[in-house]
Amino acid sequence: MPKIRIRDAAAFLSVSDDTVRRWIEAGSLPVETDASNRKVVDGRALAEFARAHANPAADPSRVERSARNRFVGLVTAVQADTVMAQVELQCGPFRVVSLMSSEAVRELGLEPGSVAVAVVKATTVIVETPGGSGSAA
């Protein structure tokens, strides 16, 4: 099983190293010692913790869909010409970019500062891992 260093766990959770250490001290995250005598978190335990503590923004649309990948965020930029537009959203720590018609941008009232939901329904999702042995240690 992969072992994740505290600083890497903090980066994956978008918190400080100190926050991860507090969770460890509180018993919320199990910790081990690696061969170099560094504290590490089991990758599986970290994944379960991340899922349990995920705090996505509430979806204001109240629409039921089959798509499971929904990201609520703020529109940060809109670049539009007469036919097409590029809309950028900041959804938590993630930047989501969508290409759509300029007509759709106008109809939806998309402008910087407006709240929007990016819905992703993809038949292809590419997953990559860091080079080497596949662990983040």
N, C-alpha and C. Protein backbone atom coordinates (compact mmCIF):
# COMPACT_ATOMS: atom_id res chain seq x y z
N MET A 1 0.84 -1.18 0.00
CA MET A 1 0.00 0.00 0.00
C MET A 1 0.88 1.24 0.00
N PRO A 2 0.47 2.26 -0.74
CA PRO A 2 1.28 3.49 -0.77
C PRO A 2 1.30 4.18 0.57
N LYS A 3 2.42 4.76 0.89
CA LYS A 3 2.59 5.55 2.10
C LYS A 3 2.83 6.99 1.67
N ILE A 4 2.10 7.91 2.25
CA ILE A 4 2.11 9.32 1.84
C ILE A 4 2.75 10.15 2.95
N ARG A 5 3.74 10.94 2.58
CA ARG A 5 4.36 11.84 3.56
C ARG A 5 3.36 12.91 3.99
N ILE A 6 3.55 13.44 5.18
CA ILE A 6 2.62 14.42 5.74
C ILE A 6 2.49 15.64 4.83
N ARG A 7 3.60 16.15 4.31
CA ARG A 7 3.50 17.35 3.46
C ARG A 7 2.72 17.05 2.19
N ASP A 8 2.87 15.84 1.64
CA ASP A 8 2.11 15.48 0.44
C ASP A 8 0.64 15.28 0.77
N ALA A 9 0.35 14.66 1.93
CA ALA A 9 -1.04 14.50 2.35
C ALA A 9 -1.71 15.86 2.50
N ALA A 10 -0.98 16.81 3.07
CA ALA A 10 -1.51 18.17 3.24
C ALA A 10 -1.83 18.79 1.88
N ALA A 11 -0.94 18.61 0.92
CA ALA A 11 -1.17 19.17 -0.43
C ALA A 11 -2.40 18.53 -1.07
N PHE A 12 -2.55 17.21 -0.93
CA PHE A 12 -3.70 16.53 -1.53
C PHE A 12 -5.02 16.97 -0.90
N LEU A 13 -4.98 17.33 0.40
CA LEU A 13 -6.18 17.75 1.11
C LEU A 13 -6.38 19.26 1.10
N SER A 14 -5.43 20.00 0.50
CA SER A 14 -5.48 21.46 0.44
C SER A 14 -5.53 22.09 1.83
N VAL A 15 -4.69 21.56 2.73
CA VAL A 15 -4.57 22.11 4.07
C VAL A 15 -3.08 22.24 4.39
N SER A 16 -2.76 22.78 5.55
CA SER A 16 -1.36 22.92 5.95
C SER A 16 -0.84 21.62 6.56
N ASP A 17 0.49 21.50 6.60
CA ASP A 17 1.12 20.36 7.27
C ASP A 17 0.65 20.29 8.72
N ASP A 18 0.55 21.45 9.37
CA ASP A 18 0.14 21.49 10.78
C ASP A 18 -1.27 20.93 10.97
N THR A 19 -2.15 21.20 10.02
CA THR A 19 -3.51 20.67 10.12
C THR A 19 -3.49 19.15 10.07
N VAL A 20 -2.70 18.58 9.16
CA VAL A 20 -2.59 17.12 9.08
C VAL A 20 -2.01 16.58 10.38
N ARG A 21 -1.01 17.24 10.92
CA ARG A 21 -0.42 16.79 12.19
C ARG A 21 -1.46 16.83 13.32
N ARG A 22 -2.31 17.85 13.34
CA ARG A 22 -3.36 17.92 14.36
C ARG A 22 -4.35 16.78 14.21
N TRP A 23 -4.71 16.45 12.97
CA TRP A 23 -5.61 15.32 12.73
C TRP A 23 -4.97 14.02 13.19
N ILE A 24 -3.67 13.88 12.98
CA ILE A 24 -2.95 12.69 13.43
C ILE A 24 -2.97 12.63 14.95
N GLU A 25 -2.64 13.74 15.60
CA GLU A 25 -2.63 13.79 17.07
C GLU A 25 -4.00 13.50 17.66
N ALA A 26 -5.05 13.93 16.96
CA ALA A 26 -6.42 13.70 17.43
C ALA A 26 -6.90 12.28 17.14
N GLY A 27 -6.11 11.51 16.40
CA GLY A 27 -6.50 10.15 16.07
C GLY A 27 -7.40 10.05 14.86
N SER A 28 -7.60 11.15 14.14
CA SER A 28 -8.45 11.13 12.95
C SER A 28 -7.76 10.48 11.76
N LEU A 29 -6.45 10.56 11.72
CA LEU A 29 -5.66 9.96 10.65
C LEU A 29 -4.61 9.04 11.28
N PRO A 30 -4.52 7.78 10.85
CA PRO A 30 -3.49 6.90 11.38
C PRO A 30 -2.13 7.26 10.79
N VAL A 31 -1.09 7.11 11.59
CA VAL A 31 0.25 7.45 11.14
C VAL A 31 1.18 6.26 11.37
N GLU A 32 2.16 6.12 10.50
CA GLU A 32 3.18 5.09 10.62
C GLU A 32 4.54 5.77 10.47
N THR A 33 5.59 5.01 10.65
CA THR A 33 6.94 5.51 10.43
C THR A 33 7.55 4.71 9.28
N ASP A 34 8.12 5.41 8.30
CA ASP A 34 8.72 4.72 7.16
C ASP A 34 10.17 4.30 7.48
N ALA A 35 10.84 3.71 6.50
CA ALA A 35 12.20 3.22 6.68
C ALA A 35 13.19 4.33 7.02
N SER A 36 12.87 5.57 6.66
CA SER A 36 13.74 6.71 6.96
C SER A 36 13.33 7.40 8.26
N ASN A 37 12.44 6.76 9.03
CA ASN A 37 11.96 7.27 10.31
C ASN A 37 11.12 8.55 10.17
N ARG A 38 10.46 8.70 9.03
CA ARG A 38 9.55 9.82 8.80
C ARG A 38 8.12 9.35 9.03
N LYS A 39 7.28 10.24 9.52
CA LYS A 39 5.87 9.91 9.69
C LYS A 39 5.19 9.90 8.32
N VAL A 40 4.40 8.86 8.09
CA VAL A 40 3.67 8.73 6.83
C VAL A 40 2.25 8.26 7.13
N VAL A 41 1.37 8.53 6.19
CA VAL A 41 -0.03 8.12 6.30
C VAL A 41 -0.28 7.08 5.23
N ASP A 42 -0.99 6.03 5.61
CA ASP A 42 -1.36 5.00 4.64
C ASP A 42 -2.24 5.61 3.56
N GLY A 43 -1.92 5.36 2.30
CA GLY A 43 -2.66 5.94 1.18
C GLY A 43 -4.14 5.63 1.20
N ARG A 44 -4.50 4.40 1.54
CA ARG A 44 -5.91 4.01 1.58
C ARG A 44 -6.65 4.78 2.68
N ALA A 45 -6.02 4.90 3.85
CA ALA A 45 -6.63 5.64 4.96
C ALA A 45 -6.80 7.11 4.59
N LEU A 46 -5.81 7.67 3.88
CA LEU A 46 -5.89 9.06 3.45
C LEU A 46 -7.03 9.25 2.45
N ALA A 47 -7.19 8.30 1.52
CA ALA A 47 -8.26 8.39 0.53
C ALA A 47 -9.63 8.34 1.21
N GLU A 48 -9.79 7.44 2.20
CA GLU A 48 -11.06 7.36 2.92
C GLU A 48 -11.33 8.65 3.71
N PHE A 49 -10.27 9.19 4.32
CA PHE A 49 -10.40 10.44 5.07
C PHE A 49 -10.81 11.57 4.13
N ALA A 50 -10.16 11.65 2.96
CA ALA A 50 -10.46 12.71 1.99
C ALA A 50 -11.92 12.62 1.54
N ARG A 51 -12.38 11.42 1.27
CA ARG A 51 -13.77 11.26 0.83
C ARG A 51 -14.74 11.64 1.94
N ALA A 52 -14.46 11.20 3.17
CA ALA A 52 -15.36 11.48 4.28
C ALA A 52 -15.40 12.97 4.64
N HIS A 53 -14.31 13.68 4.37
CA HIS A 53 -14.24 15.09 4.74
C HIS A 53 -14.37 16.04 3.56
N ALA A 54 -14.74 15.51 2.40
CA ALA A 54 -14.95 16.36 1.23
C ALA A 54 -16.08 17.34 1.54
N ASN A 55 -15.90 18.56 1.17
CA ASN A 55 -16.86 19.59 1.49
C ASN A 55 -17.26 20.36 0.24
N PRO A 56 -17.87 19.70 -0.74
CA PRO A 56 -18.23 20.44 -1.94
C PRO A 56 -19.34 21.44 -1.66
N ALA A 57 -19.34 22.49 -2.43
CA ALA A 57 -20.41 23.49 -2.29
C ALA A 57 -21.74 22.86 -2.70
N ALA A 58 -22.80 23.28 -2.06
CA ALA A 58 -24.13 22.76 -2.37
C ALA A 58 -24.53 23.16 -3.78
N ASP A 59 -25.14 22.25 -4.49
CA ASP A 59 -25.62 22.50 -5.85
C ASP A 59 -26.94 23.26 -5.77
N PRO A 60 -26.96 24.51 -6.24
CA PRO A 60 -28.18 25.31 -6.11
C PRO A 60 -29.25 24.98 -7.14
N SER A 61 -28.95 24.10 -8.11
CA SER A 61 -29.88 23.90 -9.22
C SER A 61 -31.09 23.04 -8.88
N ARG A 62 -30.99 22.15 -7.90
CA ARG A 62 -32.09 21.25 -7.52
C ARG A 62 -32.57 20.41 -8.70
N VAL A 63 -31.66 20.08 -9.61
CA VAL A 63 -32.00 19.26 -10.76
C VAL A 63 -31.32 17.91 -10.59
N GLU A 64 -32.07 16.84 -10.81
CA GLU A 64 -31.50 15.49 -10.73
C GLU A 64 -30.95 15.10 -12.10
N ARG A 65 -29.71 14.58 -12.10
CA ARG A 65 -29.07 14.17 -13.35
C ARG A 65 -28.32 12.87 -13.13
N SER A 66 -28.03 12.19 -14.22
CA SER A 66 -27.23 10.97 -14.11
C SER A 66 -25.75 11.28 -13.94
N ALA A 67 -25.32 12.46 -14.34
CA ALA A 67 -23.91 12.83 -14.22
C ALA A 67 -23.55 12.96 -12.75
N ARG A 68 -22.46 12.32 -12.34
CA ARG A 68 -22.04 12.36 -10.94
C ARG A 68 -20.98 13.42 -10.68
N ASN A 69 -20.36 13.90 -11.73
CA ASN A 69 -19.27 14.86 -11.58
C ASN A 69 -19.82 16.27 -11.75
N ARG A 70 -20.18 16.87 -10.63
CA ARG A 70 -20.79 18.19 -10.63
C ARG A 70 -19.94 19.08 -9.74
N PHE A 71 -19.54 20.22 -10.27
CA PHE A 71 -18.64 21.12 -9.57
C PHE A 71 -19.29 22.50 -9.48
N VAL A 72 -19.63 22.91 -8.27
CA VAL A 72 -20.23 24.22 -8.05
C VAL A 72 -19.11 25.22 -7.85
N GLY A 73 -19.20 26.35 -8.52
CA GLY A 73 -18.16 27.35 -8.36
C GLY A 73 -18.57 28.72 -8.85
N LEU A 74 -17.58 29.58 -8.88
CA LEU A 74 -17.78 30.95 -9.34
C LEU A 74 -17.18 31.12 -10.73
N VAL A 75 -17.88 31.80 -11.59
CA VAL A 75 -17.33 32.14 -12.90
C VAL A 75 -16.23 33.18 -12.66
N THR A 76 -15.04 32.91 -13.19
CA THR A 76 -13.92 33.83 -13.01
C THR A 76 -13.57 34.58 -14.28
N ALA A 77 -13.93 34.04 -15.44
CA ALA A 77 -13.62 34.71 -16.71
C ALA A 77 -14.54 34.22 -17.80
N VAL A 78 -14.89 35.12 -18.71
CA VAL A 78 -15.67 34.78 -19.90
C VAL A 78 -15.02 35.48 -21.08
N GLN A 79 -14.63 34.70 -22.07
CA GLN A 79 -14.10 35.27 -23.31
C GLN A 79 -15.04 34.83 -24.42
N ALA A 80 -15.68 35.77 -25.06
CA ALA A 80 -16.68 35.42 -26.06
C ALA A 80 -16.48 36.23 -27.33
N ASP A 81 -16.75 35.56 -28.47
CA ASP A 81 -16.82 36.28 -29.74
C ASP A 81 -18.27 36.19 -30.22
N THR A 82 -18.52 36.31 -31.48
CA THR A 82 -19.90 36.31 -31.95
C THR A 82 -20.55 34.93 -31.91
N VAL A 83 -19.72 33.87 -31.95
CA VAL A 83 -20.28 32.51 -32.01
C VAL A 83 -19.94 31.67 -30.78
N MET A 84 -18.68 31.65 -30.35
CA MET A 84 -18.22 30.76 -29.28
C MET A 84 -17.70 31.54 -28.08
N ALA A 85 -17.68 30.85 -26.92
CA ALA A 85 -17.18 31.47 -25.69
C ALA A 85 -16.40 30.45 -24.88
N GLN A 86 -15.45 30.96 -24.12
CA GLN A 86 -14.72 30.15 -23.15
C GLN A 86 -15.08 30.68 -21.77
N VAL A 87 -15.58 29.79 -20.91
CA VAL A 87 -16.00 30.18 -19.56
C VAL A 87 -15.12 29.43 -18.56
N GLU A 88 -14.52 30.18 -17.64
CA GLU A 88 -13.70 29.58 -16.60
C GLU A 88 -14.43 29.68 -15.27
N LEU A 89 -14.40 28.59 -14.51
CA LEU A 89 -14.99 28.56 -13.17
C LEU A 89 -13.91 28.15 -12.18
N GLN A 90 -13.99 28.68 -10.98
CA GLN A 90 -13.15 28.23 -9.89
C GLN A 90 -14.06 27.46 -8.96
N CYS A 91 -13.86 26.14 -8.91
CA CYS A 91 -14.70 25.24 -8.12
C CYS A 91 -13.84 24.68 -7.00
N GLY A 92 -13.85 25.36 -5.85
CA GLY A 92 -12.93 24.98 -4.78
C GLY A 92 -11.52 25.19 -5.28
N PRO A 93 -10.65 24.20 -5.13
CA PRO A 93 -9.28 24.36 -5.60
C PRO A 93 -9.12 24.08 -7.09
N PHE A 94 -10.21 23.75 -7.78
CA PHE A 94 -10.12 23.33 -9.17
C PHE A 94 -10.61 24.39 -10.14
N ARG A 95 -9.85 24.56 -11.22
CA ARG A 95 -10.23 25.45 -12.33
C ARG A 95 -10.88 24.57 -13.39
N VAL A 96 -12.09 24.92 -13.76
CA VAL A 96 -12.82 24.17 -14.79
C VAL A 96 -13.08 25.12 -15.94
N VAL A 97 -12.76 24.69 -17.16
CA VAL A 97 -12.92 25.51 -18.35
C VAL A 97 -13.93 24.83 -19.27
N SER A 98 -14.88 25.61 -19.77
CA SER A 98 -15.90 25.08 -20.67
C SER A 98 -15.95 25.92 -21.94
N LEU A 99 -16.10 25.26 -23.07
CA LEU A 99 -16.34 25.94 -24.34
C LEU A 99 -17.81 25.76 -24.69
N MET A 100 -18.47 26.85 -25.01
CA MET A 100 -19.90 26.80 -25.33
C MET A 100 -20.22 27.93 -26.30
N SER A 101 -21.44 27.96 -26.75
CA SER A 101 -21.83 29.04 -27.64
C SER A 101 -21.96 30.35 -26.87
N SER A 102 -21.71 31.45 -27.55
CA SER A 102 -21.92 32.77 -26.93
C SER A 102 -23.38 32.98 -26.58
N GLU A 103 -24.26 32.40 -27.38
CA GLU A 103 -25.69 32.47 -27.10
C GLU A 103 -26.00 31.83 -25.74
N ALA A 104 -25.41 30.67 -25.44
CA ALA A 104 -25.63 30.00 -24.15
C ALA A 104 -25.12 30.87 -23.00
N VAL A 105 -23.99 31.52 -23.19
CA VAL A 105 -23.45 32.41 -22.15
C VAL A 105 -24.45 33.52 -21.85
N ARG A 106 -25.00 34.11 -22.90
CA ARG A 106 -25.98 35.19 -22.70
C ARG A 106 -27.24 34.66 -22.03
N GLU A 107 -27.76 33.52 -22.49
CA GLU A 107 -29.00 32.96 -21.93
C GLU A 107 -28.84 32.58 -20.46
N LEU A 108 -27.65 32.09 -20.09
CA LEU A 108 -27.39 31.68 -18.70
C LEU A 108 -26.97 32.86 -17.82
N GLY A 109 -26.68 33.99 -18.44
CA GLY A 109 -26.25 35.16 -17.67
C GLY A 109 -24.89 34.96 -17.02
N LEU A 110 -24.02 34.23 -17.71
CA LEU A 110 -22.70 33.96 -17.14
C LEU A 110 -21.80 35.17 -17.25
N GLU A 111 -21.25 35.57 -16.10
CA GLU A 111 -20.30 36.67 -16.04
C GLU A 111 -19.44 36.47 -14.81
N PRO A 112 -18.26 37.06 -14.77
CA PRO A 112 -17.41 36.89 -13.60
C PRO A 112 -18.16 37.23 -12.31
N GLY A 113 -18.08 36.32 -11.35
CA GLY A 113 -18.76 36.50 -10.08
C GLY A 113 -20.07 35.76 -9.96
N SER A 114 -20.61 35.26 -11.08
CA SER A 114 -21.86 34.52 -10.99
C SER A 114 -21.58 33.07 -10.57
N VAL A 115 -22.56 32.46 -9.91
CA VAL A 115 -22.45 31.07 -9.47
C VAL A 115 -22.92 30.18 -10.60
N ALA A 116 -22.18 29.09 -10.82
CA ALA A 116 -22.55 28.15 -11.87
C ALA A 116 -22.16 26.74 -11.44
N VAL A 117 -22.73 25.75 -12.11
CA VAL A 117 -22.41 24.36 -11.84
C VAL A 117 -21.86 23.76 -13.13
N ALA A 118 -20.64 23.23 -13.06
CA ALA A 118 -20.05 22.52 -14.19
C ALA A 118 -20.44 21.05 -14.05
N VAL A 119 -21.11 20.51 -15.05
CA VAL A 119 -21.52 19.12 -15.04
C VAL A 119 -20.69 18.39 -16.09
N VAL A 120 -19.97 17.36 -15.65
CA VAL A 120 -19.08 16.63 -16.55
C VAL A 120 -19.62 15.22 -16.72
N LYS A 121 -19.95 14.86 -17.93
CA LYS A 121 -20.39 13.51 -18.26
C LYS A 121 -19.49 13.06 -19.40
N ALA A 122 -18.46 12.31 -19.05
CA ALA A 122 -17.46 11.95 -20.04
C ALA A 122 -17.38 10.44 -20.23
N THR A 123 -17.16 10.03 -21.45
CA THR A 123 -16.94 8.61 -21.70
C THR A 123 -15.47 8.26 -21.53
N THR A 124 -14.62 9.27 -21.51
CA THR A 124 -13.20 9.03 -21.32
C THR A 124 -12.68 9.92 -20.20
N VAL A 125 -12.09 9.30 -19.20
CA VAL A 125 -11.41 10.02 -18.14
C VAL A 125 -10.01 9.44 -18.06
N ILE A 126 -9.01 10.28 -18.25
CA ILE A 126 -7.63 9.83 -18.22
C ILE A 126 -7.09 9.97 -16.81
N VAL A 127 -6.52 8.90 -16.28
CA VAL A 127 -5.94 8.89 -14.94
C VAL A 127 -4.45 8.67 -15.09
N GLU A 128 -3.66 9.53 -14.46
CA GLU A 128 -2.20 9.40 -14.51
C GLU A 128 -1.66 9.22 -13.10
N THR A 129 -0.49 8.65 -13.01
CA THR A 129 0.19 8.52 -11.71
C THR A 129 1.57 9.13 -11.84
N PRO A 130 2.16 9.50 -10.70
CA PRO A 130 3.52 10.03 -10.74
C PRO A 130 4.47 8.96 -11.30
N GLY A 131 5.56 9.39 -11.93
CA GLY A 131 6.52 8.44 -12.48
C GLY A 131 7.18 7.62 -11.39
N GLY A 132 7.86 6.57 -11.79
CA GLY A 132 8.57 5.73 -10.83
C GLY A 132 7.72 4.60 -10.34
N SER A 133 7.77 4.33 -9.05
CA SER A 133 7.15 3.15 -8.47
C SER A 133 5.64 3.29 -8.30
N GLY A 134 5.09 4.46 -8.54
CA GLY A 134 3.66 4.67 -8.39
C GLY A 134 3.26 5.12 -7.01
N SER A 135 4.24 5.35 -6.12
CA SER A 135 3.87 5.88 -4.80
C SER A 135 4.29 7.32 -4.71
N ALA A 136 3.65 8.04 -3.82
CA ALA A 136 3.95 9.48 -3.66
C ALA A 136 4.95 9.69 -2.52
N ALA A 137 5.59 8.66 -2.09
CA ALA A 137 6.54 8.78 -0.97
C ALA A 137 7.78 9.52 -1.38
